[in-house]
Amino acid sequence: MIQELYTTKRSLELEWQKEYLQSGRHNVKMIEINKKIQDVIKAIIAQEFEEDTRLLKIKDAAPEASIAG
């Protein structure tokens, strides 16, 4: 899922760049594209945080073996 979000972000960035190259200046469509990019970035951050939290819980729940004795 995270990889798909990165792909979507890159696609939107290319769309933004294409729009800029065509018009030569900022326009309303570019603002809309930028808002979509920001939404995707927020989703990426949320997904990565979720994944990190899940991995931390797994690590903390792992039993520790002691060989002292």
PDB file of N, CA and C in Angstrom:
ATOM      1  N   MET A   1       0.825  -1.197   0.000  1.00  0.00           N
ATOM      2  CA  MET A   1       0.000   0.000   0.000  1.00  0.00           C
ATOM      3  C   MET A   1       0.872   1.264   0.000  1.00  0.00           C
ATOM      4  N   ILE A   2       1.913   1.288   0.797  1.00  0.00           N
ATOM      5  CA  ILE A   2       2.762   2.470   0.863  1.00  0.00           C
ATOM      6  C   ILE A   2       3.427   2.708  -0.486  1.00  0.00           C
ATOM      7  N   GLN A   3       3.856   1.655  -1.137  1.00  0.00           N
ATOM      8  CA  GLN A   3       4.502   1.794  -2.446  1.00  0.00           C
ATOM      9  C   GLN A   3       3.539   2.402  -3.454  1.00  0.00           C
ATOM     10  N   GLU A   4       2.261   2.030  -3.383  1.00  0.00           N
ATOM     11  CA  GLU A   4       1.252   2.603  -4.282  1.00  0.00           C
ATOM     12  C   GLU A   4       1.090   4.096  -4.025  1.00  0.00           C
ATOM     13  N   LEU A   5       1.161   4.491  -2.763  1.00  0.00           N
ATOM     14  CA  LEU A   5       1.053   5.903  -2.428  1.00  0.00           C
ATOM     15  C   LEU A   5       2.230   6.696  -2.985  1.00  0.00           C
ATOM     16  N   TYR A   6       3.429   6.130  -2.886  1.00  0.00           N
ATOM     17  CA  TYR A   6       4.599   6.791  -3.464  1.00  0.00           C
ATOM     18  C   TYR A   6       4.468   6.911  -4.986  1.00  0.00           C
ATOM     19  N   THR A   7       3.928   5.896  -5.625  1.00  0.00           N
ATOM     20  CA  THR A   7       3.716   5.931  -7.072  1.00  0.00           C
ATOM     21  C   THR A   7       2.691   7.009  -7.435  1.00  0.00           C
ATOM     22  N   THR A   8       1.622   7.090  -6.656  1.00  0.00           N
ATOM     23  CA  THR A   8       0.606   8.115  -6.873  1.00  0.00           C
ATOM     24  C   THR A   8       1.193   9.511  -6.702  1.00  0.00           C
ATOM     25  N   LYS A   9       2.007   9.672  -5.659  1.00  0.00           N
ATOM     26  CA  LYS A   9       2.644  10.966  -5.404  1.00  0.00           C
ATOM     27  C   LYS A   9       3.519  11.372  -6.579  1.00  0.00           C
ATOM     28  N   ARG A  10       4.325  10.454  -7.058  1.00  0.00           N
ATOM     29  CA  ARG A  10       5.222  10.751  -8.181  1.00  0.00           C
ATOM     30  C   ARG A  10       4.419  11.096  -9.436  1.00  0.00           C
ATOM     31  N   SER A  11       3.338  10.383  -9.671  1.00  0.00           N
ATOM     32  CA  SER A  11       2.487  10.642 -10.824  1.00  0.00           C
ATOM     33  C   SER A  11       1.879  12.048 -10.752  1.00  0.00           C
ATOM     34  N   LEU A  12       1.425  12.426  -9.574  1.00  0.00           N
ATOM     35  CA  LEU A  12       0.864  13.766  -9.387  1.00  0.00           C
ATOM     36  C   LEU A  12       1.931  14.842  -9.573  1.00  0.00           C
ATOM     37  N   GLU A  13       3.135  14.572  -9.095  1.00  0.00           N
ATOM     38  CA  GLU A  13       4.226  15.527  -9.272  1.00  0.00           C
ATOM     39  C   GLU A  13       4.551  15.721 -10.758  1.00  0.00           C
ATOM     40  N   LEU A  14       4.523  14.634 -11.508  1.00  0.00           N
ATOM     41  CA  LEU A  14       4.776  14.734 -12.948  1.00  0.00           C
ATOM     42  C   LEU A  14       3.649  15.487 -13.652  1.00  0.00           C
ATOM     43  N   GLU A  15       2.424  15.253 -13.207  1.00  0.00           N
ATOM     44  CA  GLU A  15       1.280  15.976 -13.766  1.00  0.00           C
ATOM     45  C   GLU A  15       1.411  17.478 -13.484  1.00  0.00           C
ATOM     46  N   TRP A  16       1.841  17.811 -12.262  1.00  0.00           N
ATOM     47  CA  TRP A  16       2.041  19.213 -11.883  1.00  0.00           C
ATOM     48  C   TRP A  16       3.111  19.841 -12.775  1.00  0.00           C
ATOM     49  N   GLN A  17       4.220  19.121 -12.952  1.00  0.00           N
ATOM     50  CA  GLN A  17       5.325  19.629 -13.765  1.00  0.00           C
ATOM     51  C   GLN A  17       4.891  19.824 -15.223  1.00  0.00           C
ATOM     52  N   LYS A  18       4.138  18.879 -15.747  1.00  0.00           N
ATOM     53  CA  LYS A  18       3.643  18.978 -17.123  1.00  0.00           C
ATOM     54  C   LYS A  18       2.754  20.209 -17.277  1.00  0.00           C
ATOM     55  N   GLU A  19       1.879  20.415 -16.327  1.00  0.00           N
ATOM     56  CA  GLU A  19       0.988  21.569 -16.354  1.00  0.00           C
ATOM     57  C   GLU A  19       1.796  22.871 -16.323  1.00  0.00           C
ATOM     58  N   TYR A  20       2.824  22.903 -15.498  1.00  0.00           N
ATOM     59  CA  TYR A  20       3.660  24.099 -15.409  1.00  0.00           C
ATOM     60  C   TYR A  20       4.393  24.355 -16.720  1.00  0.00           C
ATOM     61  N   LEU A  21       4.930  23.292 -17.311  1.00  0.00           N
ATOM     62  CA  LEU A  21       5.656  23.446 -18.565  1.00  0.00           C
ATOM     63  C   LEU A  21       4.737  23.900 -19.704  1.00  0.00           C
ATOM     64  N   GLN A  22       3.482  23.454 -19.665  1.00  0.00           N
ATOM     65  CA  GLN A  22       2.534  23.841 -20.706  1.00  0.00           C
ATOM     66  C   GLN A  22       2.114  25.306 -20.582  1.00  0.00           C
ATOM     67  N   SER A  23       1.850  25.729 -19.349  1.00  0.00           N
ATOM     68  CA  SER A  23       1.319  27.084 -19.173  1.00  0.00           C
ATOM     69  C   SER A  23       2.418  28.109 -18.889  1.00  0.00           C
ATOM     70  N   GLY A  24       3.527  27.651 -18.335  1.00  0.00           N
ATOM     71  CA  GLY A  24       4.617  28.567 -18.023  1.00  0.00           C
ATOM     72  C   GLY A  24       4.405  29.378 -16.762  1.00  0.00           C
ATOM     73  N   ARG A  25       3.334  29.110 -16.062  1.00  0.00           N
ATOM     74  CA  ARG A  25       3.062  29.805 -14.799  1.00  0.00           C
ATOM     75  C   ARG A  25       2.114  28.953 -13.957  1.00  0.00           C
ATOM     76  N   HIS A  26       1.942  29.352 -12.717  1.00  0.00           N
ATOM     77  CA  HIS A  26       1.036  28.624 -11.833  1.00  0.00           C
ATOM     78  C   HIS A  26      -0.407  28.904 -12.224  1.00  0.00           C
ATOM     79  N   ASN A  27      -1.253  27.893 -12.071  1.00  0.00           N
ATOM     80  CA  ASN A  27      -2.672  28.080 -12.360  1.00  0.00           C
ATOM     81  C   ASN A  27      -3.506  27.289 -11.360  1.00  0.00           C
ATOM     82  N   VAL A  28      -4.804  27.382 -11.494  1.00  0.00           N
ATOM     83  CA  VAL A  28      -5.722  26.747 -10.546  1.00  0.00           C
ATOM     84  C   VAL A  28      -5.567  25.227 -10.550  1.00  0.00           C
ATOM     85  N   LYS A  29      -5.380  24.642 -11.717  1.00  0.00           N
ATOM     86  CA  LYS A  29      -5.223  23.185 -11.803  1.00  0.00           C
ATOM     87  C   LYS A  29      -4.004  22.728 -11.008  1.00  0.00           C
ATOM     88  N   MET A  30      -2.935  23.509 -11.073  1.00  0.00           N
ATOM     89  CA  MET A  30      -1.719  23.163 -10.337  1.00  0.00           C
ATOM     90  C   MET A  30      -1.955  23.224  -8.829  1.00  0.00           C
ATOM     91  N   ILE A  31      -2.758  24.161  -8.392  1.00  0.00           N
ATOM     92  CA  ILE A  31      -3.097  24.258  -6.965  1.00  0.00           C
ATOM     93  C   ILE A  31      -3.871  23.022  -6.530  1.00  0.00           C
ATOM     94  N   GLU A  32      -4.816  22.580  -7.366  1.00  0.00           N
ATOM     95  CA  GLU A  32      -5.590  21.375  -7.066  1.00  0.00           C
ATOM     96  C   GLU A  32      -4.687  20.143  -7.015  1.00  0.00           C
ATOM     97  N   ILE A  33      -3.759  20.050  -7.950  1.00  0.00           N
ATOM     98  CA  ILE A  33      -2.816  18.927  -7.970  1.00  0.00           C
ATOM     99  C   ILE A  33      -1.959  18.952  -6.706  1.00  0.00           C
ATOM    100  N   ASN A  34      -1.508  20.148  -6.321  1.00  0.00           N
ATOM    101  CA  ASN A  34      -0.680  20.273  -5.120  1.00  0.00           C
ATOM    102  C   ASN A  34      -1.443  19.830  -3.872  1.00  0.00           C
ATOM    103  N   LYS A  35      -2.725  20.138  -3.792  1.00  0.00           N
ATOM    104  CA  LYS A  35      -3.538  19.687  -2.655  1.00  0.00           C
ATOM    105  C   LYS A  35      -3.616  18.165  -2.615  1.00  0.00           C
ATOM    106  N   LYS A  36      -3.761  17.549  -3.783  1.00  0.00           N
ATOM    107  CA  LYS A  36      -3.789  16.084  -3.854  1.00  0.00           C
ATOM    108  C   LYS A  36      -2.454  15.503  -3.393  1.00  0.00           C
ATOM    109  N   ILE A  37      -1.361  16.142  -3.819  1.00  0.00           N
ATOM    110  CA  ILE A  37      -0.026  15.685  -3.405  1.00  0.00           C
ATOM    111  C   ILE A  37       0.098  15.750  -1.889  1.00  0.00           C
ATOM    112  N   GLN A  38      -0.348  16.836  -1.282  1.00  0.00           N
ATOM    113  CA  GLN A  38      -0.271  16.986   0.168  1.00  0.00           C
ATOM    114  C   GLN A  38      -1.105  15.924   0.879  1.00  0.00           C
ATOM    115  N   ASP A  39      -2.278  15.587   0.314  1.00  0.00           N
ATOM    116  CA  ASP A  39      -3.110  14.528   0.896  1.00  0.00           C
ATOM    117  C   ASP A  39      -2.402  13.174   0.835  1.00  0.00           C
ATOM    118  N   VAL A  40      -1.745  12.907  -0.282  1.00  0.00           N
ATOM    119  CA  VAL A  40      -1.015  11.643  -0.432  1.00  0.00           C
ATOM    120  C   VAL A  40       0.156  11.599   0.553  1.00  0.00           C
ATOM    121  N   ILE A  41       0.845  12.712   0.725  1.00  0.00           N
ATOM    122  CA  ILE A  41       1.957  12.764   1.682  1.00  0.00           C
ATOM    123  C   ILE A  41       1.455  12.466   3.091  1.00  0.00           C
ATOM    124  N   LYS A  42       0.313  13.031   3.454  1.00  0.00           N
ATOM    125  CA  LYS A  42      -0.264  12.756   4.781  1.00  0.00           C
ATOM    126  C   LYS A  42      -0.599  11.273   4.927  1.00  0.00           C
ATOM    127  N   ALA A  43      -1.125  10.676   3.870  1.00  0.00           N
ATOM    128  CA  ALA A  43      -1.447   9.242   3.904  1.00  0.00           C
ATOM    129  C   ALA A  43      -0.179   8.399   4.036  1.00  0.00           C
ATOM    130  N   ILE A  44       0.878   8.793   3.342  1.00  0.00           N
ATOM    131  CA  ILE A  44       2.156   8.072   3.441  1.00  0.00           C
ATOM    132  C   ILE A  44       2.685   8.136   4.866  1.00  0.00           C
ATOM    133  N   ILE A  45       2.669   9.320   5.449  1.00  0.00           N
ATOM    134  CA  ILE A  45       3.158   9.485   6.823  1.00  0.00           C
ATOM    135  C   ILE A  45       2.346   8.622   7.783  1.00  0.00           C
ATOM    136  N   ALA A  46       1.033   8.626   7.614  1.00  0.00           N
ATOM    137  CA  ALA A  46       0.168   7.821   8.486  1.00  0.00           C
ATOM    138  C   ALA A  46       0.459   6.330   8.335  1.00  0.00           C
ATOM    139  N   GLN A  47       0.608   5.869   7.094  1.00  0.00           N
ATOM    140  CA  GLN A  47       0.889   4.450   6.849  1.00  0.00           C
ATOM    141  C   GLN A  47       2.243   4.039   7.423  1.00  0.00           C
ATOM    142  N   GLU A  48       3.253   4.885   7.223  1.00  0.00           N
ATOM    143  CA  GLU A  48       4.578   4.560   7.752  1.00  0.00           C
ATOM    144  C   GLU A  48       4.581   4.564   9.278  1.00  0.00           C
ATOM    145  N   PHE A  49       3.848   5.480   9.886  1.00  0.00           N
ATOM    146  CA  PHE A  49       3.746   5.515  11.338  1.00  0.00           C
ATOM    147  C   PHE A  49       3.066   4.252  11.854  1.00  0.00           C
ATOM    148  N   GLU A  50       1.990   3.855  11.172  1.00  0.00           N
ATOM    149  CA  GLU A  50       1.281   2.626  11.542  1.00  0.00           C
ATOM    150  C   GLU A  50       2.206   1.417  11.472  1.00  0.00           C
ATOM    151  N   GLU A  51       2.960   1.328  10.401  1.00  0.00           N
ATOM    152  CA  GLU A  51       3.884   0.205  10.205  1.00  0.00           C
ATOM    153  C   GLU A  51       4.968   0.194  11.281  1.00  0.00           C
ATOM    154  N   ASP A  52       5.530   1.363  11.566  1.00  0.00           N
ATOM    155  CA  ASP A  52       6.560   1.455  12.608  1.00  0.00           C
ATOM    156  C   ASP A  52       5.994   1.062  13.967  1.00  0.00           C
ATOM    157  N   THR A  53       4.793   1.513  14.261  1.00  0.00           N
ATOM    158  CA  THR A  53       4.150   1.182  15.531  1.00  0.00           C
ATOM    159  C   THR A  53       3.903  -0.321  15.638  1.00  0.00           C
ATOM    160  N   ARG A  54       3.438  -0.912  14.550  1.00  0.00           N
ATOM    161  CA  ARG A  54       3.183  -2.361  14.535  1.00  0.00           C
ATOM    162  C   ARG A  54       4.478  -3.133  14.757  1.00  0.00           C
ATOM    163  N   LEU A  55       5.540  -2.727  14.086  1.00  0.00           N
ATOM    164  CA  LEU A  55       6.825  -3.413  14.242  1.00  0.00           C
ATOM    165  C   LEU A  55       7.371  -3.259  15.659  1.00  0.00           C
ATOM    166  N   LEU A  56       7.170  -2.103  16.250  1.00  0.00           N
ATOM    167  CA  LEU A  56       7.619  -1.873  17.621  1.00  0.00           C
ATOM    168  C   LEU A  56       6.873  -2.773  18.596  1.00  0.00           C
ATOM    169  N   LYS A  57       5.556  -2.918  18.390  1.00  0.00           N
ATOM    170  CA  LYS A  57       4.754  -3.781  19.262  1.00  0.00           C
ATOM    171  C   LYS A  57       5.212  -5.232  19.139  1.00  0.00           C
ATOM    172  N   ILE A  58       5.522  -5.644  17.923  1.00  0.00           N
ATOM    173  CA  ILE A  58       5.996  -7.016  17.717  1.00  0.00           C
ATOM    174  C   ILE A  58       7.327  -7.211  18.427  1.00  0.00           C
ATOM    175  N   LYS A  59       8.213  -6.235  18.298  1.00  0.00           N
ATOM    176  CA  LYS A  59       9.529  -6.329  18.936  1.00  0.00           C
ATOM    177  C   LYS A  59       9.398  -6.368  20.459  1.00  0.00           C
ATOM    178  N   ASP A  60       8.529  -5.516  20.995  1.00  0.00           N
ATOM    179  CA  ASP A  60       8.337  -5.468  22.444  1.00  0.00           C
ATOM    180  C   ASP A  60       7.662  -6.732  22.978  1.00  0.00           C
ATOM    181  N   ALA A  61       6.849  -7.364  22.161  1.00  0.00           N
ATOM    182  CA  ALA A  61       6.138  -8.563  22.601  1.00  0.00           C
ATOM    183  C   ALA A  61       6.993  -9.820  22.479  1.00  0.00           C
ATOM    184  N   ALA A  62       8.099  -9.759  21.775  1.00  0.00           N
ATOM    185  CA  ALA A  62       8.945 -10.931  21.577  1.00  0.00           C
ATOM    186  C   ALA A  62       9.562 -11.347  22.910  1.00  0.00           C
ATOM    187  N   PRO A  63       9.490 -12.638  23.206  1.00  0.00           N
ATOM    188  CA  PRO A  63      10.076 -13.106  24.464  1.00  0.00           C
ATOM    189  C   PRO A  63      11.600 -13.018  24.409  1.00  0.00           C
ATOM    190  N   GLU A  64      12.150 -12.662  25.537  1.00  0.00           N
ATOM    191  CA  GLU A  64      13.602 -12.588  25.634  1.00  0.00           C
ATOM    192  C   GLU A  64      14.120 -13.836  26.337  1.00  0.00           C
ATOM    193  N   ALA A  65      15.059 -14.486  25.723  1.00  0.00           N
ATOM    194  CA  ALA A  65      15.634 -15.689  26.314  1.00  0.00           C
ATOM    195  C   ALA A  65      16.898 -15.319  27.053  1.00  0.00           C
ATOM    196  N   SER A  66      17.045 -15.899  28.217  1.00  0.00           N
ATOM    197  CA  SER A  66      18.234 -15.641  29.008  1.00  0.00           C
ATOM    198  C   SER A  66      19.048 -16.931  29.087  1.00  0.00           C
ATOM    199  N   ILE A  67      20.328 -16.816  28.854  1.00  0.00           N
ATOM    200  CA  ILE A  67      21.176 -18.013  28.934  1.00  0.00           C
ATOM    201  C   ILE A  67      22.030 -17.971  30.198  1.00  0.00           C
ATOM    202  N   ALA A  68      21.775 -16.987  31.051  1.00  0.00           N
ATOM    203  CA  ALA A  68      22.515 -16.906  32.324  1.00  0.00           C
ATOM    204  C   ALA A  68      21.995 -17.999  33.254  1.00  0.00           C
ATOM    205  N   GLY A  69      22.838 -18.530  33.986  1.00  0.00           N
ATOM    206  CA  GLY A  69      22.285 -19.503  34.910  1.00  0.00           C
ATOM    207  C   GLY A  69      23.251 -20.244  35.618  1.00  0.00           C
TER     208      GLY A  69
END
